Amino acid sequence: MNYFFTGIKGTGMAALAEILADQGNEVRGSDIEKYIFTEDGLKERGIEIYSFDPANIQPGDTVIAGLAFEDDHPELVQARAMDDVKVYRYNEF
């Protein structure tokens, strides 16, 4: 399964991304460019981290949205506009 995390460097988000990657899923995500210690474990697993951009959302993705982001965040707007993309809030997933 393909997972995309909006806000992947968040403490809970990074941990969940690592678990899903360890289970053999394809995981990638976006966040701010500033270094945050949580990205170390993501990089160790080869999880790609992008700058925020609606073009990051790909057909068939399951998007996990961090709670720090409102529904009008450009990546979430794009994800919800795509019929084959599922969107979950971090706490729902």
N, C-alpha and C. Protein backbone atom coordinates (compact mmCIF):
# COMPACT_ATOMS: atom_id res chain seq x y z
N MET A 1 0.85 -1.18 0.00
CA MET A 1 0.00 0.00 0.00
C MET A 1 0.89 1.24 0.00
N ASN A 2 0.42 2.33 -0.58
CA ASN A 2 1.15 3.59 -0.65
C ASN A 2 0.55 4.59 0.34
N TYR A 3 1.39 5.08 1.24
CA TYR A 3 0.95 6.06 2.23
C TYR A 3 1.72 7.37 2.03
N PHE A 4 0.97 8.47 2.13
CA PHE A 4 1.58 9.79 2.09
C PHE A 4 1.15 10.55 3.35
N PHE A 5 2.13 11.08 4.07
CA PHE A 5 1.88 11.79 5.32
C PHE A 5 2.07 13.29 5.13
N THR A 6 1.05 14.07 5.38
CA THR A 6 1.16 15.52 5.42
C THR A 6 1.51 15.91 6.85
N GLY A 7 2.75 16.36 7.03
CA GLY A 7 3.25 16.64 8.38
C GLY A 7 4.00 15.45 8.95
N ILE A 8 4.81 14.78 8.14
CA ILE A 8 5.44 13.52 8.49
C ILE A 8 6.45 13.63 9.63
N LYS A 9 6.97 14.81 9.91
CA LYS A 9 7.98 14.95 10.96
C LYS A 9 7.38 15.09 12.35
N GLY A 10 6.06 15.15 12.46
CA GLY A 10 5.43 15.20 13.78
C GLY A 10 5.76 13.92 14.56
N THR A 11 5.84 14.01 15.85
CA THR A 11 6.27 12.88 16.67
C THR A 11 5.43 11.63 16.42
N GLY A 12 4.12 11.75 16.51
CA GLY A 12 3.25 10.60 16.28
C GLY A 12 3.22 10.20 14.82
N MET A 13 3.24 11.17 13.93
CA MET A 13 3.21 10.90 12.49
C MET A 13 4.46 10.13 12.06
N ALA A 14 5.62 10.56 12.53
CA ALA A 14 6.87 9.89 12.16
C ALA A 14 6.87 8.45 12.66
N ALA A 15 6.42 8.25 13.90
CA ALA A 15 6.38 6.89 14.45
C ALA A 15 5.45 6.00 13.63
N LEU A 16 4.27 6.50 13.27
CA LEU A 16 3.34 5.72 12.46
C LEU A 16 3.92 5.44 11.08
N ALA A 17 4.57 6.42 10.48
CA ALA A 17 5.19 6.23 9.17
C ALA A 17 6.25 5.14 9.24
N GLU A 18 7.04 5.13 10.30
CA GLU A 18 8.08 4.11 10.47
C GLU A 18 7.46 2.72 10.62
N ILE A 19 6.39 2.61 11.38
CA ILE A 19 5.71 1.32 11.55
C ILE A 19 5.20 0.81 10.21
N LEU A 20 4.54 1.67 9.45
CA LEU A 20 4.01 1.26 8.16
C LEU A 20 5.12 0.87 7.18
N ALA A 21 6.23 1.61 7.22
CA ALA A 21 7.37 1.26 6.36
C ALA A 21 7.97 -0.08 6.78
N ASP A 22 8.09 -0.30 8.09
CA ASP A 22 8.63 -1.57 8.59
C ASP A 22 7.76 -2.76 8.20
N GLN A 23 6.48 -2.51 7.94
CA GLN A 23 5.57 -3.56 7.50
C GLN A 23 5.64 -3.79 6.00
N GLY A 24 6.49 -3.05 5.31
CA GLY A 24 6.69 -3.25 3.88
C GLY A 24 5.89 -2.34 2.97
N ASN A 25 5.23 -1.35 3.54
CA ASN A 25 4.46 -0.39 2.73
C ASN A 25 5.37 0.68 2.16
N GLU A 26 4.93 1.29 1.06
CA GLU A 26 5.64 2.45 0.51
C GLU A 26 5.15 3.67 1.27
N VAL A 27 6.08 4.41 1.85
CA VAL A 27 5.74 5.56 2.69
C VAL A 27 6.58 6.76 2.26
N ARG A 28 5.93 7.91 2.14
CA ARG A 28 6.61 9.16 1.88
C ARG A 28 5.75 10.26 2.49
N GLY A 29 6.28 11.47 2.56
CA GLY A 29 5.50 12.53 3.16
C GLY A 29 6.11 13.89 2.96
N SER A 30 5.45 14.88 3.51
CA SER A 30 5.90 16.26 3.38
C SER A 30 5.92 16.94 4.74
N ASP A 31 6.73 17.99 4.81
CA ASP A 31 6.80 18.79 6.04
C ASP A 31 7.65 20.03 5.76
N ILE A 32 7.90 20.78 6.81
CA ILE A 32 8.75 21.96 6.71
C ILE A 32 10.19 21.51 6.42
N GLU A 33 11.00 22.41 5.89
CA GLU A 33 12.36 22.06 5.54
C GLU A 33 13.30 22.05 6.73
N LYS A 34 12.96 22.74 7.81
CA LYS A 34 13.81 22.78 9.00
C LYS A 34 14.04 21.38 9.55
N TYR A 35 15.28 21.10 9.97
CA TYR A 35 15.60 19.79 10.55
C TYR A 35 14.84 19.59 11.86
N ILE A 36 14.24 18.42 11.99
CA ILE A 36 13.60 17.99 13.24
C ILE A 36 14.10 16.58 13.51
N PHE A 37 14.45 16.27 14.74
CA PHE A 37 15.08 14.99 15.08
C PHE A 37 14.28 13.78 14.62
N THR A 38 12.98 13.91 14.47
CA THR A 38 12.15 12.77 14.08
C THR A 38 12.45 12.29 12.66
N GLU A 39 13.09 13.13 11.86
CA GLU A 39 13.37 12.72 10.49
C GLU A 39 14.51 11.70 10.42
N ASP A 40 15.29 11.54 11.47
CA ASP A 40 16.39 10.58 11.46
C ASP A 40 15.89 9.16 11.19
N GLY A 41 14.87 8.74 11.93
CA GLY A 41 14.30 7.40 11.73
C GLY A 41 13.65 7.24 10.37
N LEU A 42 13.06 8.31 9.86
CA LEU A 42 12.45 8.27 8.54
C LEU A 42 13.52 8.05 7.47
N LYS A 43 14.60 8.81 7.57
CA LYS A 43 15.69 8.71 6.59
C LYS A 43 16.37 7.34 6.67
N GLU A 44 16.52 6.80 7.88
CA GLU A 44 17.10 5.47 8.03
C GLU A 44 16.32 4.42 7.26
N ARG A 45 15.03 4.63 7.12
CA ARG A 45 14.16 3.68 6.42
C ARG A 45 13.99 4.04 4.94
N GLY A 46 14.65 5.08 4.49
CA GLY A 46 14.54 5.48 3.09
C GLY A 46 13.24 6.18 2.75
N ILE A 47 12.55 6.70 3.76
CA ILE A 47 11.30 7.42 3.54
C ILE A 47 11.62 8.82 3.03
N GLU A 48 11.09 9.15 1.86
CA GLU A 48 11.34 10.45 1.26
C GLU A 48 10.48 11.52 1.92
N ILE A 49 11.09 12.68 2.14
CA ILE A 49 10.40 13.82 2.74
C ILE A 49 10.47 14.99 1.75
N TYR A 50 9.31 15.50 1.39
CA TYR A 50 9.19 16.57 0.40
C TYR A 50 8.71 17.85 1.07
N SER A 51 8.88 18.96 0.35
CA SER A 51 8.24 20.21 0.75
C SER A 51 6.76 20.08 0.41
N PHE A 52 5.93 20.87 1.07
CA PHE A 52 4.50 20.82 0.80
C PHE A 52 4.21 21.20 -0.66
N ASP A 53 3.41 20.39 -1.34
CA ASP A 53 3.05 20.65 -2.73
C ASP A 53 1.90 19.71 -3.09
N PRO A 54 0.80 20.24 -3.63
CA PRO A 54 -0.32 19.37 -4.02
C PRO A 54 0.08 18.28 -5.01
N ALA A 55 1.13 18.53 -5.80
CA ALA A 55 1.59 17.53 -6.77
C ALA A 55 2.20 16.30 -6.10
N ASN A 56 2.45 16.37 -4.79
CA ASN A 56 2.98 15.21 -4.07
C ASN A 56 1.97 14.07 -3.99
N ILE A 57 0.69 14.38 -4.06
CA ILE A 57 -0.36 13.38 -3.92
C ILE A 57 -0.50 12.61 -5.23
N GLN A 58 -0.39 11.30 -5.13
CA GLN A 58 -0.42 10.43 -6.32
C GLN A 58 -1.66 9.56 -6.31
N PRO A 59 -2.13 9.16 -7.49
CA PRO A 59 -3.28 8.26 -7.56
C PRO A 59 -3.05 7.00 -6.72
N GLY A 60 -4.08 6.61 -5.99
CA GLY A 60 -4.02 5.41 -5.18
C GLY A 60 -3.41 5.60 -3.80
N ASP A 61 -2.95 6.80 -3.48
CA ASP A 61 -2.38 7.06 -2.16
C ASP A 61 -3.43 6.94 -1.07
N THR A 62 -2.97 6.58 0.10
CA THR A 62 -3.74 6.76 1.32
C THR A 62 -3.02 7.90 2.06
N VAL A 63 -3.72 9.01 2.24
CA VAL A 63 -3.12 10.19 2.84
C VAL A 63 -3.45 10.23 4.32
N ILE A 64 -2.41 10.39 5.13
CA ILE A 64 -2.57 10.57 6.58
C ILE A 64 -2.27 12.03 6.86
N ALA A 65 -3.24 12.76 7.38
CA ALA A 65 -3.10 14.19 7.60
C ALA A 65 -2.83 14.49 9.07
N GLY A 66 -1.76 15.22 9.31
CA GLY A 66 -1.44 15.64 10.66
C GLY A 66 -2.49 16.58 11.20
N LEU A 67 -2.67 16.56 12.50
CA LEU A 67 -3.71 17.38 13.13
C LEU A 67 -3.39 18.87 13.11
N ALA A 68 -2.16 19.24 12.78
CA ALA A 68 -1.77 20.65 12.72
C ALA A 68 -2.26 21.32 11.43
N PHE A 69 -2.83 20.54 10.52
CA PHE A 69 -3.20 21.07 9.22
C PHE A 69 -4.70 21.10 9.04
N GLU A 70 -5.20 22.25 8.61
CA GLU A 70 -6.64 22.43 8.38
C GLU A 70 -7.05 21.75 7.07
N ASP A 71 -8.33 21.59 6.87
CA ASP A 71 -8.84 20.95 5.66
C ASP A 71 -8.53 21.73 4.38
N ASP A 72 -8.18 23.01 4.51
CA ASP A 72 -7.87 23.80 3.32
C ASP A 72 -6.39 23.75 2.93
N HIS A 73 -5.61 22.91 3.61
CA HIS A 73 -4.20 22.73 3.23
C HIS A 73 -4.17 22.22 1.79
N PRO A 74 -3.33 22.79 0.92
CA PRO A 74 -3.35 22.43 -0.50
C PRO A 74 -3.20 20.93 -0.78
N GLU A 75 -2.39 20.22 -0.03
CA GLU A 75 -2.26 18.77 -0.27
C GLU A 75 -3.55 18.04 0.07
N LEU A 76 -4.22 18.46 1.11
CA LEU A 76 -5.46 17.79 1.51
C LEU A 76 -6.59 18.11 0.53
N VAL A 77 -6.61 19.33 0.03
CA VAL A 77 -7.60 19.71 -0.99
C VAL A 77 -7.40 18.83 -2.22
N GLN A 78 -6.14 18.69 -2.66
CA GLN A 78 -5.84 17.86 -3.82
C GLN A 78 -6.24 16.41 -3.57
N ALA A 79 -5.89 15.89 -2.41
CA ALA A 79 -6.20 14.49 -2.10
C ALA A 79 -7.70 14.23 -2.13
N ARG A 80 -8.48 15.12 -1.57
CA ARG A 80 -9.93 14.93 -1.53
C ARG A 80 -10.57 15.08 -2.91
N ALA A 81 -9.88 15.74 -3.82
CA ALA A 81 -10.40 15.92 -5.18
C ALA A 81 -10.16 14.69 -6.06
N MET A 82 -9.35 13.77 -5.57
CA MET A 82 -9.01 12.57 -6.35
C MET A 82 -9.86 11.40 -5.88
N ASP A 83 -10.57 10.78 -6.81
CA ASP A 83 -11.49 9.68 -6.47
C ASP A 83 -10.82 8.46 -5.87
N ASP A 84 -9.58 8.20 -6.26
CA ASP A 84 -8.92 6.97 -5.81
C ASP A 84 -7.94 7.20 -4.65
N VAL A 85 -8.08 8.33 -3.95
CA VAL A 85 -7.23 8.64 -2.81
C VAL A 85 -8.10 8.69 -1.56
N LYS A 86 -7.68 7.98 -0.53
CA LYS A 86 -8.37 8.02 0.76
C LYS A 86 -7.61 8.97 1.68
N VAL A 87 -8.35 9.72 2.48
CA VAL A 87 -7.75 10.67 3.41
C VAL A 87 -8.22 10.35 4.82
N TYR A 88 -7.27 10.24 5.72
CA TYR A 88 -7.56 10.00 7.13
C TYR A 88 -6.81 11.03 7.96
N ARG A 89 -7.39 11.46 9.03
CA ARG A 89 -6.67 12.24 10.03
C ARG A 89 -5.84 11.26 10.84
N TYR A 90 -4.71 11.74 11.33
CA TYR A 90 -3.78 10.89 12.10
C TYR A 90 -4.52 10.13 13.20
N ASN A 91 -5.34 10.82 13.96
CA ASN A 91 -6.02 10.17 15.09
C ASN A 91 -7.09 9.17 14.63
N GLU A 92 -7.63 9.32 13.43
CA GLU A 92 -8.61 8.37 12.89
C GLU A 92 -7.94 7.09 12.42
N PHE A 93 -6.77 7.27 11.81
CA PHE A 93 -6.09 6.11 11.24
C PHE A 93 -5.59 5.19 12.32
